[in-house]
């Protein structure tokens, strides 16, 4: 009988300005991660999609993404499709408690660099175990925008997360000083608790780490952009930057709101208007 070994995929990304002020890209990856063709946007930003060729994660799989942005460079990194995490608890007599699938993210931004980390959502199947650790190191005047959306169970098929769990840890430092730490775990009683998911299947989080405080007017605009979307949506200021949370029935609603916030931030900073990544669902129009 064939033995299935876990994946240990890695991607290393390096972005830097060229002589014309555009951001160029070099890097490499190991299976099941694959780097797709990068695109240069009108403002010189490099857009890079990542593809997970294995079709999903199972217990024991580990993925790692490292990105280094040289001073002044700008990049947008996204994923080609939603990430699936298959069920593992109760599936094996040898490992009845299941095995965790893990993803490690490390982003290092030099002075005035700008990274937008906007992958498509993660879907954790019933009994799935997924843990993500994201560490961001920022230089002076660097900006980092990151978002994640997770669906707990394939609810369209009547499936919940069941005995599965999802964990996420985000750590942001700027020039060696801690700016933000966010640790989350969803599973068990938290799935139904009023201060947890309250029975809702979709959770989303967006964080913008900026060099300075956020204007109250921007926060009000971001909150107004949630109008008409189902779920509980909240947006607040960090010491430097902002955070938005989504809890509700629709991953599309979370994507739409986060895309609108992303556009507001771009506008606030005087940057080029948002262009949706080419690999995102073409039929959607969140703006």
C-alpha atoms as a PDB file:
ATOM      1  CA  UNK A   1       0.000   0.000   0.000  1.00  0.00           C
ATOM      2  CA  UNK A   2       1.344   3.438  -0.923  1.00  0.00           C
ATOM      3  CA  UNK A   3       2.290   5.743   1.932  1.00  0.00           C
ATOM      4  CA  UNK A   4       1.107   9.362   1.709  1.00  0.00           C
ATOM      5  CA  UNK A   5       3.754  11.758   2.986  1.00  0.00           C
ATOM      6  CA  UNK A   6       2.851  15.299   4.048  1.00  0.00           C
ATOM      7  CA  UNK A   7       3.727  18.256   1.850  1.00  0.00           C
ATOM      8  CA  UNK A   8       6.443  20.714   2.900  1.00  0.00           C
ATOM      9  CA  UNK A   9       5.977  23.523   0.396  1.00  0.00           C
ATOM     10  CA  UNK A  10       7.792  26.849   0.482  1.00  0.00           C
ATOM     11  CA  UNK A  11       7.862  30.065  -1.521  1.00  0.00           C
ATOM     12  CA  UNK A  12      10.559  32.738  -1.253  1.00  0.00           C
ATOM     13  CA  UNK A  13       9.776  36.127  -2.762  1.00  0.00           C
ATOM     14  CA  UNK A  14      12.042  39.136  -3.263  1.00  0.00           C
ATOM     15  CA  UNK A  15      10.780  42.494  -4.516  1.00  0.00           C
ATOM     16  CA  UNK A  16      12.908  45.525  -5.398  1.00  0.00           C
ATOM     17  CA  UNK A  17      12.704  48.723  -7.434  1.00  0.00           C
ATOM     18  CA  UNK A  18      14.231  48.800 -10.901  1.00  0.00           C
ATOM     19  CA  UNK A  19      15.838  51.762 -12.656  1.00  0.00           C
ATOM     20  CA  UNK A  20      12.436  53.037 -13.832  1.00  0.00           C
ATOM     21  CA  UNK A  21      10.910  53.008 -10.353  1.00  0.00           C
ATOM     22  CA  UNK A  22       8.812  49.885 -10.994  1.00  0.00           C
ATOM     23  CA  UNK A  23       8.877  46.917  -8.642  1.00  0.00           C
ATOM     24  CA  UNK A  24      10.561  43.804 -10.008  1.00  0.00           C
ATOM     25  CA  UNK A  25      10.325  40.300  -8.649  1.00  0.00           C
ATOM     26  CA  UNK A  26      12.604  37.305  -8.131  1.00  0.00           C
ATOM     27  CA  UNK A  27      11.863  34.129  -6.227  1.00  0.00           C
ATOM     28  CA  UNK A  28      11.335  30.419  -6.177  1.00  0.00           C
ATOM     29  CA  UNK A  29       9.040  27.761  -4.750  1.00  0.00           C
ATOM     30  CA  UNK A  30       8.798  24.066  -3.967  1.00  0.00           C
ATOM     31  CA  UNK A  31       5.774  21.818  -4.480  1.00  0.00           C
ATOM     32  CA  UNK A  32       2.917  22.110  -3.933  1.00  0.00           C
ATOM     33  CA  UNK A  33       3.361  25.899  -4.114  1.00  0.00           C
ATOM     34  CA  UNK A  34       3.933  27.437  -7.524  1.00  0.00           C
ATOM     35  CA  UNK A  35       4.563  31.043  -8.488  1.00  0.00           C
ATOM     36  CA  UNK A  36       2.335  32.249 -11.295  1.00  0.00           C
ATOM     37  CA  UNK A  37       3.104  34.964 -13.800  1.00  0.00           C
ATOM     38  CA  UNK A  38       3.472  38.349 -12.138  1.00  0.00           C
ATOM     39  CA  UNK A  39       1.850  41.533 -13.451  1.00  0.00           C
ATOM     40  CA  UNK A  40       2.952  45.140 -13.236  1.00  0.00           C
ATOM     41  CA  UNK A  41       0.175  47.553 -12.431  1.00  0.00           C
ATOM     42  CA  UNK A  42       0.023  51.120 -13.684  1.00  0.00           C
ATOM     43  CA  UNK A  43       1.559  52.516 -10.498  1.00  0.00           C
ATOM     44  CA  UNK A  44       4.547  50.175 -10.785  1.00  0.00           C
ATOM     45  CA  UNK A  45       3.269  47.736  -8.152  1.00  0.00           C
ATOM     46  CA  UNK A  46       4.066  44.060  -8.740  1.00  0.00           C
ATOM     47  CA  UNK A  47       1.053  41.712  -8.509  1.00  0.00           C
ATOM     48  CA  UNK A  48       1.965  38.068  -7.874  1.00  0.00           C
ATOM     49  CA  UNK A  49      -0.500  35.133  -7.609  1.00  0.00           C
ATOM     50  CA  UNK A  50       0.449  31.961  -5.719  1.00  0.00           C
ATOM     51  CA  UNK A  51      -0.977  28.588  -6.716  1.00  0.00           C
ATOM     52  CA  UNK A  52      -1.363  25.569  -4.416  1.00  0.00           C
ATOM     53  CA  UNK A  53      -1.245  22.680  -6.877  1.00  0.00           C
ATOM     54  CA  UNK A  54      -2.214  19.866  -4.466  1.00  0.00           C
ATOM     55  CA  UNK A  55      -5.885  20.874  -4.307  1.00  0.00           C
ATOM     56  CA  UNK A  56      -5.958  21.267  -0.538  1.00  0.00           C
ATOM     57  CA  UNK A  57      -4.211  20.630   2.775  1.00  0.00           C
ATOM     58  CA  UNK A  58      -4.432  17.507   4.924  1.00  0.00           C
ATOM     59  CA  UNK A  59      -3.143  16.862   8.443  1.00  0.00           C
ATOM     60  CA  UNK A  60       0.627  17.174   8.660  1.00  0.00           C
ATOM     61  CA  UNK A  61       1.015  19.433   5.608  1.00  0.00           C
ATOM     62  CA  UNK A  62       3.092  22.576   6.112  1.00  0.00           C
ATOM     63  CA  UNK A  63       3.345  25.605   3.848  1.00  0.00           C
ATOM     64  CA  UNK A  64       5.727  28.527   4.224  1.00  0.00           C
ATOM     65  CA  UNK A  65       5.781  31.882   2.436  1.00  0.00           C
ATOM     66  CA  UNK A  66       8.590  34.394   2.949  1.00  0.00           C
ATOM     67  CA  UNK A  67       8.627  37.791   1.281  1.00  0.00           C
ATOM     68  CA  UNK A  68      11.285  40.490   1.441  1.00  0.00           C
ATOM     69  CA  UNK A  69      10.548  43.938   0.061  1.00  0.00           C
ATOM     70  CA  UNK A  70      13.475  46.266  -0.547  1.00  0.00           C
ATOM     71  CA  UNK A  71      13.175  49.958   0.284  1.00  0.00           C
ATOM     72  CA  UNK A  72      10.401  51.715  -1.620  1.00  0.00           C
ATOM     73  CA  UNK A  73       9.109  48.617  -3.413  1.00  0.00           C
ATOM     74  CA  UNK A  74       5.403  47.821  -3.746  1.00  0.00           C
ATOM     75  CA  UNK A  75       3.756  44.415  -4.134  1.00  0.00           C
ATOM     76  CA  UNK A  76       0.383  42.703  -4.014  1.00  0.00           C
ATOM     77  CA  UNK A  77       0.464  38.956  -3.294  1.00  0.00           C
ATOM     78  CA  UNK A  78      -2.701  36.895  -3.648  1.00  0.00           C
ATOM     79  CA  UNK A  79      -3.765  33.291  -4.306  1.00  0.00           C
ATOM     80  CA  UNK A  80      -5.252  31.716  -7.407  1.00  0.00           C
ATOM     81  CA  UNK A  81      -8.085  29.923  -5.592  1.00  0.00           C
ATOM     82  CA  UNK A  82      -9.589  29.278  -2.171  1.00  0.00           C
ATOM     83  CA  UNK A  83      -7.506  27.089   0.150  1.00  0.00           C
ATOM     84  CA  UNK A  84      -9.171  23.843   1.282  1.00  0.00           C
ATOM     85  CA  UNK A  85      -8.321  22.137   4.564  1.00  0.00           C
ATOM     86  CA  UNK A  86      -9.620  18.571   4.677  1.00  0.00           C
ATOM     87  CA  UNK A  87     -10.972  16.838   7.764  1.00  0.00           C
ATOM     88  CA  UNK A  88      -8.495  14.870   9.869  1.00  0.00           C
ATOM     89  CA  UNK A  89     -10.044  14.189  13.283  1.00  0.00           C
ATOM     90  CA  UNK A  90     -11.567  10.758  13.670  1.00  0.00           C
ATOM     91  CA  UNK A  91     -10.257   9.638  10.271  1.00  0.00           C
ATOM     92  CA  UNK A  92      -7.363   7.429  11.439  1.00  0.00           C
ATOM     93  CA  UNK A  93      -7.068   4.747  14.099  1.00  0.00           C
ATOM     94  CA  UNK A  94      -3.405   5.633  14.582  1.00  0.00           C
ATOM     95  CA  UNK A  95      -4.089   9.385  14.950  1.00  0.00           C
ATOM     96  CA  UNK A  96      -7.723   9.670  16.151  1.00  0.00           C
ATOM     97  CA  UNK A  97      -7.154  13.247  17.379  1.00  0.00           C
ATOM     98  CA  UNK A  98      -5.993  14.225  13.914  1.00  0.00           C
ATOM     99  CA  UNK A  99      -2.996  16.185  12.661  1.00  0.00           C
ATOM    100  CA  UNK A 100      -2.698  19.929  12.126  1.00  0.00           C
ATOM    101  CA  UNK A 101      -2.087  21.527   8.759  1.00  0.00           C
ATOM    102  CA  UNK A 102       0.077  24.624   9.214  1.00  0.00           C
ATOM    103  CA  UNK A 103       1.079  27.736   7.312  1.00  0.00           C
ATOM    104  CA  UNK A 104       3.958  30.034   8.258  1.00  0.00           C
ATOM    105  CA  UNK A 105       4.099  33.546   6.784  1.00  0.00           C
ATOM    106  CA  UNK A 106       7.074  35.883   7.185  1.00  0.00           C
ATOM    107  CA  UNK A 107       7.112  39.345   5.662  1.00  0.00           C
ATOM    108  CA  UNK A 108      10.051  41.740   5.951  1.00  0.00           C
ATOM    109  CA  UNK A 109       9.569  45.255   4.599  1.00  0.00           C
ATOM    110  CA  UNK A 110      12.389  47.766   4.379  1.00  0.00           C
ATOM    111  CA  UNK A 111      11.908  51.540   4.651  1.00  0.00           C
ATOM    112  CA  UNK A 112       8.863  52.888   2.765  1.00  0.00           C
ATOM    113  CA  UNK A 113       8.033  49.460   1.297  1.00  0.00           C
ATOM    114  CA  UNK A 114       4.374  48.523   0.773  1.00  0.00           C
ATOM    115  CA  UNK A 115       2.898  44.998   0.792  1.00  0.00           C
ATOM    116  CA  UNK A 116      -0.734  44.003   0.300  1.00  0.00           C
ATOM    117  CA  UNK A 117      -1.293  40.352   1.335  1.00  0.00           C
ATOM    118  CA  UNK A 118      -4.767  39.464   0.036  1.00  0.00           C
ATOM    119  CA  UNK A 119      -5.242  35.712  -0.466  1.00  0.00           C
ATOM    120  CA  UNK A 120      -8.594  34.186  -1.313  1.00  0.00           C
ATOM    121  CA  UNK A 121     -10.513  32.538   1.497  1.00  0.00           C
ATOM    122  CA  UNK A 122      -9.759  29.351   3.432  1.00  0.00           C
ATOM    123  CA  UNK A 123     -12.407  26.636   3.741  1.00  0.00           C
ATOM    124  CA  UNK A 124     -11.935  24.280   6.700  1.00  0.00           C
ATOM    125  CA  UNK A 125     -13.882  21.053   6.221  1.00  0.00           C
ATOM    126  CA  UNK A 126     -15.587  19.239   9.094  1.00  0.00           C
ATOM    127  CA  UNK A 127     -12.929  17.855  11.430  1.00  0.00           C
ATOM    128  CA  UNK A 128     -10.188  19.943   9.805  1.00  0.00           C
ATOM    129  CA  UNK A 129      -7.325  21.378  11.863  1.00  0.00           C
ATOM    130  CA  UNK A 130      -5.569  24.477  10.525  1.00  0.00           C
ATOM    131  CA  UNK A 131      -3.077  26.837  12.155  1.00  0.00           C
ATOM    132  CA  UNK A 132      -1.498  29.940  10.648  1.00  0.00           C
ATOM    133  CA  UNK A 133       1.308  32.064  12.061  1.00  0.00           C
ATOM    134  CA  UNK A 134       2.054  35.386  10.348  1.00  0.00           C
ATOM    135  CA  UNK A 135       4.996  37.564  11.373  1.00  0.00           C
ATOM    136  CA  UNK A 136       5.482  41.035   9.866  1.00  0.00           C
ATOM    137  CA  UNK A 137       8.614  43.151  10.334  1.00  0.00           C
ATOM    138  CA  UNK A 138       8.314  46.746   9.157  1.00  0.00           C
ATOM    139  CA  UNK A 139      10.917  49.382   8.453  1.00  0.00           C
ATOM    140  CA  UNK A 140      10.373  53.116   8.830  1.00  0.00           C
ATOM    141  CA  UNK A 141       7.322  54.393   6.882  1.00  0.00           C
ATOM    142  CA  UNK A 142       6.477  50.899   5.586  1.00  0.00           C
ATOM    143  CA  UNK A 143       2.856  49.832   5.050  1.00  0.00           C
ATOM    144  CA  UNK A 144       1.375  46.325   5.386  1.00  0.00           C
ATOM    145  CA  UNK A 145      -2.220  45.414   4.584  1.00  0.00           C
ATOM    146  CA  UNK A 146      -3.344  41.856   5.255  1.00  0.00           C
ATOM    147  CA  UNK A 147      -6.713  40.110   5.149  1.00  0.00           C
ATOM    148  CA  UNK A 148      -8.009  36.611   5.740  1.00  0.00           C
ATOM    149  CA  UNK A 149     -11.464  35.094   5.350  1.00  0.00           C
ATOM    150  CA  UNK A 150     -12.254  31.607   6.649  1.00  0.00           C
ATOM    151  CA  UNK A 151     -15.366  29.479   6.192  1.00  0.00           C
ATOM    152  CA  UNK A 152     -15.858  26.947   8.985  1.00  0.00           C
ATOM    153  CA  UNK A 153     -17.377  23.923   7.276  1.00  0.00           C
ATOM    154  CA  UNK A 154     -18.936  23.486   3.849  1.00  0.00           C
ATOM    155  CA  UNK A 155     -22.215  25.033   4.851  1.00  0.00           C
ATOM    156  CA  UNK A 156     -23.669  24.818   1.340  1.00  0.00           C
ATOM    157  CA  UNK A 157     -23.589  21.037   1.831  1.00  0.00           C
ATOM    158  CA  UNK A 158     -25.059  21.265   5.330  1.00  0.00           C
ATOM    159  CA  UNK A 159     -21.671  20.694   6.954  1.00  0.00           C
ATOM    160  CA  UNK A 160     -20.306  22.500  10.013  1.00  0.00           C
ATOM    161  CA  UNK A 161     -16.755  22.589  11.361  1.00  0.00           C
ATOM    162  CA  UNK A 162     -17.739  19.843  13.809  1.00  0.00           C
ATOM    163  CA  UNK A 163     -14.771  18.826  15.952  1.00  0.00           C
ATOM    164  CA  UNK A 164     -12.354  20.822  13.797  1.00  0.00           C
ATOM    165  CA  UNK A 165     -10.386  23.916  14.841  1.00  0.00           C
ATOM    166  CA  UNK A 166      -8.907  27.005  13.230  1.00  0.00           C
ATOM    167  CA  UNK A 167      -6.124  29.088  14.734  1.00  0.00           C
ATOM    168  CA  UNK A 168      -4.443  32.280  13.601  1.00  0.00           C
ATOM    169  CA  UNK A 169      -1.628  34.325  15.101  1.00  0.00           C
ATOM    170  CA  UNK A 170      -0.509  37.684  13.702  1.00  0.00           C
ATOM    171  CA  UNK A 171       2.552  39.543  15.030  1.00  0.00           C
ATOM    172  CA  UNK A 172       3.648  42.946  13.727  1.00  0.00           C
ATOM    173  CA  UNK A 173       6.855  44.753  14.665  1.00  0.00           C
ATOM    174  CA  UNK A 174       8.174  48.067  13.400  1.00  0.00           C
ATOM    175  CA  UNK A 175      11.907  48.702  13.782  1.00  0.00           C
ATOM    176  CA  UNK A 176      12.035  46.185  16.617  1.00  0.00           C
ATOM    177  CA  UNK A 177       9.024  47.627  18.475  1.00  0.00           C
ATOM    178  CA  UNK A 178       5.889  45.547  18.909  1.00  0.00           C
ATOM    179  CA  UNK A 179       2.897  47.206  17.265  1.00  0.00           C
ATOM    180  CA  UNK A 180       0.211  44.530  17.180  1.00  0.00           C
ATOM    181  CA  UNK A 181      -0.345  40.925  18.310  1.00  0.00           C
ATOM    182  CA  UNK A 182      -3.565  39.082  17.492  1.00  0.00           C
ATOM    183  CA  UNK A 183      -4.232  35.459  18.540  1.00  0.00           C
ATOM    184  CA  UNK A 184      -7.480  33.744  17.566  1.00  0.00           C
ATOM    185  CA  UNK A 185      -8.887  30.236  17.923  1.00  0.00           C
ATOM    186  CA  UNK A 186     -12.273  29.052  16.685  1.00  0.00           C
ATOM    187  CA  UNK A 187     -13.692  25.638  17.509  1.00  0.00           C
ATOM    188  CA  UNK A 188     -15.721  23.805  20.132  1.00  0.00           C
ATOM    189  CA  UNK A 189     -17.944  26.024  22.302  1.00  0.00           C
ATOM    190  CA  UNK A 190     -16.691  29.196  20.591  1.00  0.00           C
ATOM    191  CA  UNK A 191     -18.584  28.258  17.433  1.00  0.00           C
ATOM    192  CA  UNK A 192     -21.947  28.820  19.122  1.00  0.00           C
ATOM    193  CA  UNK A 193     -21.061  31.315  21.857  1.00  0.00           C
ATOM    194  CA  UNK A 194     -22.417  34.883  21.551  1.00  0.00           C
ATOM    195  CA  UNK A 195     -18.904  36.268  22.035  1.00  0.00           C
ATOM    196  CA  UNK A 196     -17.555  33.736  19.539  1.00  0.00           C
ATOM    197  CA  UNK A 197     -19.106  32.880  16.190  1.00  0.00           C
ATOM    198  CA  UNK A 198     -22.693  32.787  17.520  1.00  0.00           C
ATOM    199  CA  UNK A 199     -23.540  30.018  15.070  1.00  0.00           C
ATOM    200  CA  UNK A 200     -22.231  31.873  12.011  1.00  0.00           C
ATOM    201  CA  UNK A 201     -19.914  30.017   9.583  1.00  0.00           C
ATOM    202  CA  UNK A 202     -17.684  32.822   8.216  1.00  0.00           C
ATOM    203  CA  UNK A 203     -15.026  34.871   9.992  1.00  0.00           C
ATOM    204  CA  UNK A 204     -12.868  37.574   8.463  1.00  0.00           C
ATOM    205  CA  UNK A 205     -10.129  39.902   9.646  1.00  0.00           C
ATOM    206  CA  UNK A 206      -8.346  42.792   7.924  1.00  0.00           C
ATOM    207  CA  UNK A 207      -5.401  44.684   9.432  1.00  0.00           C
ATOM    208  CA  UNK A 208      -3.636  47.741   8.066  1.00  0.00           C
ATOM    209  CA  UNK A 209      -0.331  48.643   9.729  1.00  0.00           C
ATOM    210  CA  UNK A 210       0.561  52.202   8.762  1.00  0.00           C
ATOM    211  CA  UNK A 211       3.309  54.588   9.902  1.00  0.00           C
ATOM    212  CA  UNK A 212       0.810  56.922  11.566  1.00  0.00           C
ATOM    213  CA  UNK A 213      -2.604  57.236  13.159  1.00  0.00           C
ATOM    214  CA  UNK A 214      -5.715  56.796  11.035  1.00  0.00           C
ATOM    215  CA  UNK A 215      -8.095  59.696  10.490  1.00  0.00           C
ATOM    216  CA  UNK A 216     -11.533  59.351  12.069  1.00  0.00           C
ATOM    217  CA  UNK A 217     -13.079  60.211   8.685  1.00  0.00           C
ATOM    218  CA  UNK A 218     -11.504  57.114   7.108  1.00  0.00           C
ATOM    219  CA  UNK A 219     -12.933  54.881   9.825  1.00  0.00           C
ATOM    220  CA  UNK A 220     -16.408  56.320   9.287  1.00  0.00           C
ATOM    221  CA  UNK A 221     -16.182  55.746   5.536  1.00  0.00           C
ATOM    222  CA  UNK A 222     -15.054  52.154   6.069  1.00  0.00           C
ATOM    223  CA  UNK A 223     -17.961  51.521   8.435  1.00  0.00           C
ATOM    224  CA  UNK A 224     -20.400  53.050   5.967  1.00  0.00           C
ATOM    225  CA  UNK A 225     -19.108  50.700   3.256  1.00  0.00           C
ATOM    226  CA  UNK A 226     -20.597  47.763   5.185  1.00  0.00           C
ATOM    227  CA  UNK A 227     -24.148  48.970   4.493  1.00  0.00           C
ATOM    228  CA  UNK A 228     -26.377  46.310   2.975  1.00  0.00           C
ATOM    229  CA  UNK A 229     -24.011  43.413   3.724  1.00  0.00           C
ATOM    230  CA  UNK A 230     -25.251  40.566   5.957  1.00  0.00           C
ATOM    231  CA  UNK A 231     -23.471  39.755   9.216  1.00  0.00           C
ATOM    232  CA  UNK A 232     -21.786  41.594  12.076  1.00  0.00           C
ATOM    233  CA  UNK A 233     -19.149  44.055  10.853  1.00  0.00           C
ATOM    234  CA  UNK A 234     -16.889  46.233  13.001  1.00  0.00           C
ATOM    235  CA  UNK A 235     -13.986  48.555  12.218  1.00  0.00           C
ATOM    236  CA  UNK A 236     -11.710  50.353  14.680  1.00  0.00           C
ATOM    237  CA  UNK A 237      -8.423  52.186  14.973  1.00  0.00           C
ATOM    238  CA  UNK A 238      -5.106  50.740  16.072  1.00  0.00           C
ATOM    239  CA  UNK A 239      -2.371  52.929  17.506  1.00  0.00           C
ATOM    240  CA  UNK A 240      -1.093  53.132  13.931  1.00  0.00           C
ATOM    241  CA  UNK A 241      -3.492  51.658  11.412  1.00  0.00           C
ATOM    242  CA  UNK A 242      -6.889  49.990  11.580  1.00  0.00           C
ATOM    243  CA  UNK A 243      -8.553  46.612  12.057  1.00  0.00           C
ATOM    244  CA  UNK A 244     -11.827  45.290  10.647  1.00  0.00           C
ATOM    245  CA  UNK A 245     -13.694  42.121  11.647  1.00  0.00           C
ATOM    246  CA  UNK A 246     -16.450  40.198   9.931  1.00  0.00           C
ATOM    247  CA  UNK A 247     -18.728  37.495  11.386  1.00  0.00           C
ATOM    248  CA  UNK A 248     -21.651  36.264   9.381  1.00  0.00           C
ATOM    249  CA  UNK A 249     -23.127  33.883   6.809  1.00  0.00           C
ATOM    250  CA  UNK A 250     -21.356  35.038   3.644  1.00  0.00           C
ATOM    251  CA  UNK A 251     -17.723  34.857   2.587  1.00  0.00           C
ATOM    252  CA  UNK A 252     -18.670  37.045  -0.383  1.00  0.00           C
ATOM    253  CA  UNK A 253     -19.908  39.772   1.989  1.00  0.00           C
ATOM    254  CA  UNK A 254     -16.591  39.652   3.866  1.00  0.00           C
ATOM    255  CA  UNK A 255     -14.648  39.886   0.590  1.00  0.00           C
ATOM    256  CA  UNK A 256     -16.770  42.778  -0.651  1.00  0.00           C
ATOM    257  CA  UNK A 257     -16.342  44.801   2.546  1.00  0.00           C
ATOM    258  CA  UNK A 258     -12.623  44.183   2.804  1.00  0.00           C
ATOM    259  CA  UNK A 259     -12.162  45.155  -0.855  1.00  0.00           C
ATOM    260  CA  UNK A 260     -13.978  48.423  -0.205  1.00  0.00           C
ATOM    261  CA  UNK A 261     -11.783  49.130   2.826  1.00  0.00           C
ATOM    262  CA  UNK A 262      -8.712  48.351   0.729  1.00  0.00           C
ATOM    263  CA  UNK A 263      -9.931  50.867  -1.874  1.00  0.00           C
ATOM    264  CA  UNK A 264     -10.531  53.503   0.833  1.00  0.00           C
ATOM    265  CA  UNK A 265      -7.015  53.045   2.170  1.00  0.00           C
ATOM    266  CA  UNK A 266      -5.541  53.377  -1.306  1.00  0.00           C
ATOM    267  CA  UNK A 267      -7.535  56.571  -1.826  1.00  0.00           C
ATOM    268  CA  UNK A 268      -6.538  57.963   1.571  1.00  0.00           C
ATOM    269  CA  UNK A 269      -2.866  57.392   0.744  1.00  0.00           C
ATOM    270  CA  UNK A 270      -3.132  59.012  -2.687  1.00  0.00           C
ATOM    271  CA  UNK A 271      -2.284  55.774  -4.486  1.00  0.00           C
ATOM    272  CA  UNK A 272      -3.647  54.324  -7.707  1.00  0.00           C
ATOM    273  CA  UNK A 273      -7.235  53.100  -7.581  1.00  0.00           C
ATOM    274  CA  UNK A 274      -7.775  49.443  -6.742  1.00  0.00           C
ATOM    275  CA  UNK A 275      -7.757  46.994  -9.643  1.00  0.00           C
ATOM    276  CA  UNK A 276      -9.078  43.567  -8.690  1.00  0.00           C
ATOM    277  CA  UNK A 277      -6.458  40.827  -9.146  1.00  0.00           C
ATOM    278  CA  UNK A 278      -6.908  38.914 -12.394  1.00  0.00           C
ATOM    279  CA  UNK A 279      -7.264  35.585 -10.595  1.00  0.00           C
ATOM    280  CA  UNK A 280     -10.188  36.676  -8.396  1.00  0.00           C
ATOM    281  CA  UNK A 281     -13.748  35.595  -9.330  1.00  0.00           C
ATOM    282  CA  UNK A 282     -14.449  37.610 -12.481  1.00  0.00           C
ATOM    283  CA  UNK A 283     -18.202  37.779 -11.927  1.00  0.00           C
ATOM    284  CA  UNK A 284     -17.922  39.715  -8.660  1.00  0.00           C
ATOM    285  CA  UNK A 285     -18.136  43.508  -8.479  1.00  0.00           C
ATOM    286  CA  UNK A 286     -17.502  44.580  -4.876  1.00  0.00           C
ATOM    287  CA  UNK A 287     -16.744  48.246  -5.588  1.00  0.00           C
END
